[in-house]
Amino acid sequence: MIVSDCSTTSCAFDLSIKDLRTDVKNPYVILHGKGSKIRSVYLQSGIMKWYERYMQLFHEKTPNQEDYLFYSIVHGQQCKLTQPAISKRMKLHANKARLTCNEIPDNMHAHLWRHTAACHWRENGINIVEIKELMGHASLTSTMVYQDVTDKQKREAIKSLENNVTQTIKKKWTMPANRSLAAILGINLD
C-alpha cells in the first residue's frame, strides 16, 4: 500500500484510517496515486487479520479517522512516513531477513516489491491488461515493461525445444566405429 504523493518533495505513505473500508462484506482500501488518481483495491482475508492486529498495537480502540494508518512519531506527534523513513525500515528488515534467506536483495526498496509482483504475475500467466489494472497504470504502455520474456521463461522454452525437437530429429550422421572425433577432424593426437 505504498502510494506516491508527488505534490510534495518526497513520496510517503499517505493512507489515512478513513481510506480503509473494513466494515463491509468485501473490505477495500482507497488509494490516492499520482496525478490525483483515486482507485480502490480489495483486501484479502489474510491481510485483514494483519490489519486488525496492527490496529490493536498502533492505534487507539476508536482511532481518529484522519490519522495516518502508518506513521512516525516526530516531536511527540504522529506524522506521515517519508520515503527515506520507509527505505530505512525496509533495508533494516531486509538485512535481518537476509540472515536466514540469502535471496533477499541487497538494495531493497518499495518499488522493487511492486516490480517483482508484476513480474511474478506475468510469469504465472496473468494477462498484461489485468496487470495494468492491478498496478493502477493509466496506460497500457506503462505496463508493457512486464511483457518481456523472463529468463526463466527463456530457459523453459529452450528446454522444451531441446526435448521436443532434438529427440524427434533423425541424426544426419553417425560416428564411424572405432574412430574418435579428433580422427574425423584430421587431428593427430600422437
Protein backbone atom coordinates (compact mmCIF):
# COMPACT_ATOMS: atom_id res chain seq x y z
CA MET A 1 0.00 0.00 0.00
CA ILE A 2 2.75 2.40 -0.91
CA VAL A 3 1.32 5.43 -2.62
CA SER A 4 3.15 8.34 -4.16
CA ASP A 5 2.23 11.85 -3.14
CA CYS A 6 4.20 13.76 -5.73
CA SER A 7 2.67 17.12 -4.85
CA THR A 8 5.30 17.23 -2.12
CA THR A 9 9.05 16.92 -2.48
CA SER A 10 9.11 13.38 -1.15
CA CYS A 11 6.90 10.33 -1.58
CA ALA A 12 5.21 8.92 1.50
CA PHE A 13 2.66 6.56 2.95
CA ASP A 14 -0.38 8.77 2.89
CA LEU A 15 -3.12 6.33 3.83
CA SER A 16 -5.48 7.59 6.49
CA ILE A 17 -7.59 5.23 8.56
CA LYS A 18 -10.64 6.57 6.71
CA ASP A 19 -9.16 5.20 3.43
CA LEU A 20 -9.77 1.63 4.62
CA ARG A 21 -13.30 0.29 4.37
CA THR A 22 -13.20 -2.74 6.63
CA ASP A 23 -16.81 -2.81 7.82
CA VAL A 24 -18.19 -4.09 4.50
CA LYS A 25 -18.57 -7.61 3.09
CA ASN A 26 -15.52 -7.19 0.79
CA PRO A 27 -13.08 -4.85 2.59
CA TYR A 28 -11.09 -2.47 0.40
CA VAL A 29 -8.69 0.45 0.55
CA ILE A 30 -8.94 3.70 -1.37
CA LEU A 31 -5.57 4.63 -2.85
CA HIS A 32 -4.60 8.16 -3.81
CA GLY A 33 -1.99 7.98 -6.56
CA LYS A 34 -0.02 10.22 -8.86
CA GLY A 35 -1.90 12.98 -10.59
CA SER A 36 -4.71 12.89 -8.00
CA LYS A 37 -5.85 9.49 -9.34
CA ILE A 38 -8.03 7.55 -6.94
CA ARG A 39 -8.71 3.81 -7.11
CA SER A 40 -9.89 1.11 -4.77
CA VAL A 41 -8.25 -2.24 -4.11
CA TYR A 42 -9.88 -5.17 -2.36
CA LEU A 43 -8.11 -6.54 0.70
CA GLN A 44 -7.57 -10.27 1.00
CA SER A 45 -8.73 -12.04 4.16
CA GLY A 46 -5.12 -12.74 5.21
CA ILE A 47 -4.33 -9.03 5.09
CA MET A 48 -7.37 -8.27 7.20
CA LYS A 49 -6.01 -10.40 10.05
CA TRP A 50 -2.74 -8.43 9.98
CA TYR A 51 -4.63 -5.14 9.72
CA GLU A 52 -6.68 -5.92 12.83
CA ARG A 53 -3.56 -6.85 14.77
CA TYR A 54 -1.76 -3.71 13.57
CA MET A 55 -4.68 -1.52 14.62
CA GLN A 56 -4.67 -3.07 18.10
CA LEU A 57 -0.97 -2.40 18.51
CA PHE A 58 -0.59 1.05 16.95
CA HIS A 59 -3.96 2.82 17.17
CA GLU A 60 -6.49 3.55 19.90
CA LYS A 61 -9.62 1.45 20.29
CA THR A 62 -11.58 4.16 18.44
CA PRO A 63 -8.94 5.88 16.30
CA ASN A 64 -9.34 9.27 14.68
CA GLN A 65 -10.33 8.55 11.06
CA GLU A 66 -8.00 11.34 9.87
CA ASP A 67 -4.91 9.71 11.45
CA TYR A 68 -2.34 8.17 9.16
CA LEU A 69 -2.51 4.39 9.10
CA PHE A 70 1.30 4.21 9.10
CA TYR A 71 3.17 6.97 10.87
CA SER A 72 6.37 8.18 12.51
CA ILE A 73 6.46 9.92 15.86
CA VAL A 74 8.10 13.33 15.42
CA HIS A 75 8.25 15.67 18.43
CA GLY A 76 5.54 13.59 20.12
CA GLN A 77 3.11 13.73 17.19
CA GLN A 78 2.08 11.18 14.59
CA CYS A 79 3.40 12.33 11.21
CA LYS A 80 3.32 10.97 7.68
CA LEU A 81 6.09 8.49 6.92
CA THR A 82 8.60 9.91 4.45
CA GLN A 83 10.24 7.94 1.66
CA PRO A 84 13.64 7.97 3.45
CA ALA A 85 11.99 6.62 6.63
CA ILE A 86 10.27 3.86 4.65
CA SER A 87 13.51 2.96 2.85
CA LYS A 88 15.43 2.86 6.12
CA ARG A 89 12.91 0.46 7.68
CA MET A 90 12.81 -1.76 4.60
CA LYS A 91 16.61 -2.04 4.47
CA LEU A 92 16.76 -2.79 8.19
CA HIS A 93 14.24 -5.63 7.90
CA ALA A 94 15.79 -6.90 4.64
CA ASN A 95 19.19 -7.15 6.35
CA LYS A 96 17.64 -9.21 9.16
CA ALA A 97 15.77 -11.43 6.70
CA ARG A 98 18.93 -11.97 4.65
CA LEU A 99 20.47 -13.79 7.63
CA THR A 100 18.05 -16.66 7.03
CA CYS A 101 17.35 -16.21 3.31
CA ASN A 102 20.21 -15.15 1.05
CA GLU A 103 17.78 -14.48 -1.83
CA ILE A 104 16.73 -11.15 -0.27
CA PRO A 105 18.26 -8.43 -2.48
CA ASP A 106 20.84 -6.04 -1.05
CA ASN A 107 19.13 -2.95 -2.44
CA MET A 108 15.62 -3.45 -1.06
CA HIS A 109 13.15 -0.66 -1.83
CA ALA A 110 9.38 -0.31 -2.15
CA HIS A 111 9.28 -0.15 -5.93
CA LEU A 112 11.20 -3.46 -6.10
CA TRP A 113 8.25 -5.20 -4.38
CA ARG A 114 5.84 -3.70 -6.85
CA HIS A 115 8.00 -4.62 -9.85
CA THR A 116 8.59 -8.15 -8.55
CA ALA A 117 4.87 -8.72 -8.00
CA ALA A 118 4.11 -7.66 -11.58
CA CYS A 119 6.88 -9.92 -12.95
CA HIS A 120 5.56 -12.91 -10.99
CA TRP A 121 2.02 -12.22 -12.18
CA ARG A 122 3.28 -12.21 -15.77
CA GLU A 123 5.30 -15.43 -15.23
CA ASN A 124 2.15 -17.03 -13.83
CA GLY A 125 0.25 -16.19 -16.99
CA ILE A 126 -1.80 -13.21 -15.86
CA ASN A 127 -2.87 -11.14 -18.85
CA ILE A 128 -0.94 -7.89 -19.37
CA VAL A 129 -4.22 -5.90 -19.33
CA GLU A 130 -5.12 -7.39 -15.94
CA ILE A 131 -1.64 -6.48 -14.66
CA LYS A 132 -2.24 -2.92 -15.88
CA GLU A 133 -5.36 -2.75 -13.73
CA LEU A 134 -3.68 -4.35 -10.70
CA MET A 135 -0.79 -1.90 -10.98
CA GLY A 136 -3.14 1.06 -11.38
CA HIS A 137 -1.49 2.23 -14.60
CA ALA A 138 -3.48 4.71 -16.68
CA SER A 139 -1.88 3.48 -19.89
CA LEU A 140 -1.01 0.01 -21.11
CA THR A 141 2.29 1.46 -22.35
CA SER A 142 3.47 1.78 -18.74
CA THR A 143 2.74 -1.90 -18.14
CA MET A 144 4.41 -3.22 -21.29
CA VAL A 145 7.76 -3.38 -19.47
CA TYR A 146 6.41 -6.57 -17.85
CA GLN A 147 5.59 -8.09 -21.24
CA ASP A 148 9.23 -9.02 -21.87
CA VAL A 149 10.05 -12.68 -21.71
CA THR A 150 11.75 -13.55 -18.43
CA ASP A 151 14.99 -15.52 -18.17
CA LYS A 152 13.05 -18.38 -16.57
CA GLN A 153 10.62 -18.43 -19.49
CA LYS A 154 13.53 -18.42 -21.96
CA ARG A 155 15.20 -21.37 -20.20
CA GLU A 156 11.94 -23.32 -20.15
CA ALA A 157 11.35 -22.60 -23.85
CA ILE A 158 14.86 -23.77 -24.78
CA LYS A 159 14.49 -26.88 -22.63
CA SER A 160 11.16 -27.61 -24.28
CA LEU A 161 12.70 -27.20 -27.72
CA GLU A 162 15.58 -29.49 -26.77
CA ASN A 163 13.17 -32.12 -25.50
CA ASN A 164 10.62 -31.89 -28.30
CA VAL A 165 12.79 -31.14 -31.31
CA THR A 166 16.11 -32.84 -30.73
CA GLN A 167 14.54 -36.13 -29.72
CA THR A 168 12.44 -36.33 -32.89
CA ILE A 169 15.06 -35.24 -35.41
CA LYS A 170 16.75 -38.07 -37.23
CA LYS A 171 20.53 -37.76 -36.95
CA LYS A 172 22.19 -36.91 -40.26
CA TRP A 173 25.50 -38.56 -39.43
CA THR A 174 26.88 -41.14 -37.09
CA MET A 175 30.33 -41.63 -35.70
CA PRO A 176 32.22 -44.31 -37.62
CA ALA A 177 33.09 -47.32 -35.49
CA ASN A 178 36.42 -47.11 -33.67
CA ARG A 179 37.09 -43.52 -34.73
CA SER A 180 37.46 -40.58 -32.46
CA LEU A 181 36.24 -37.07 -33.15
CA ALA A 182 39.88 -35.97 -33.43
CA ALA A 183 40.49 -38.54 -36.18
CA ILE A 184 37.37 -37.47 -38.08
CA LEU A 185 38.55 -33.85 -37.97
CA GLY A 186 42.04 -34.87 -39.11
CA ILE A 187 43.78 -34.04 -35.85
CA ASN A 188 46.68 -36.25 -34.94
CA LEU A 189 46.90 -36.63 -31.18
CA ASP A 190 50.00 -38.84 -31.26
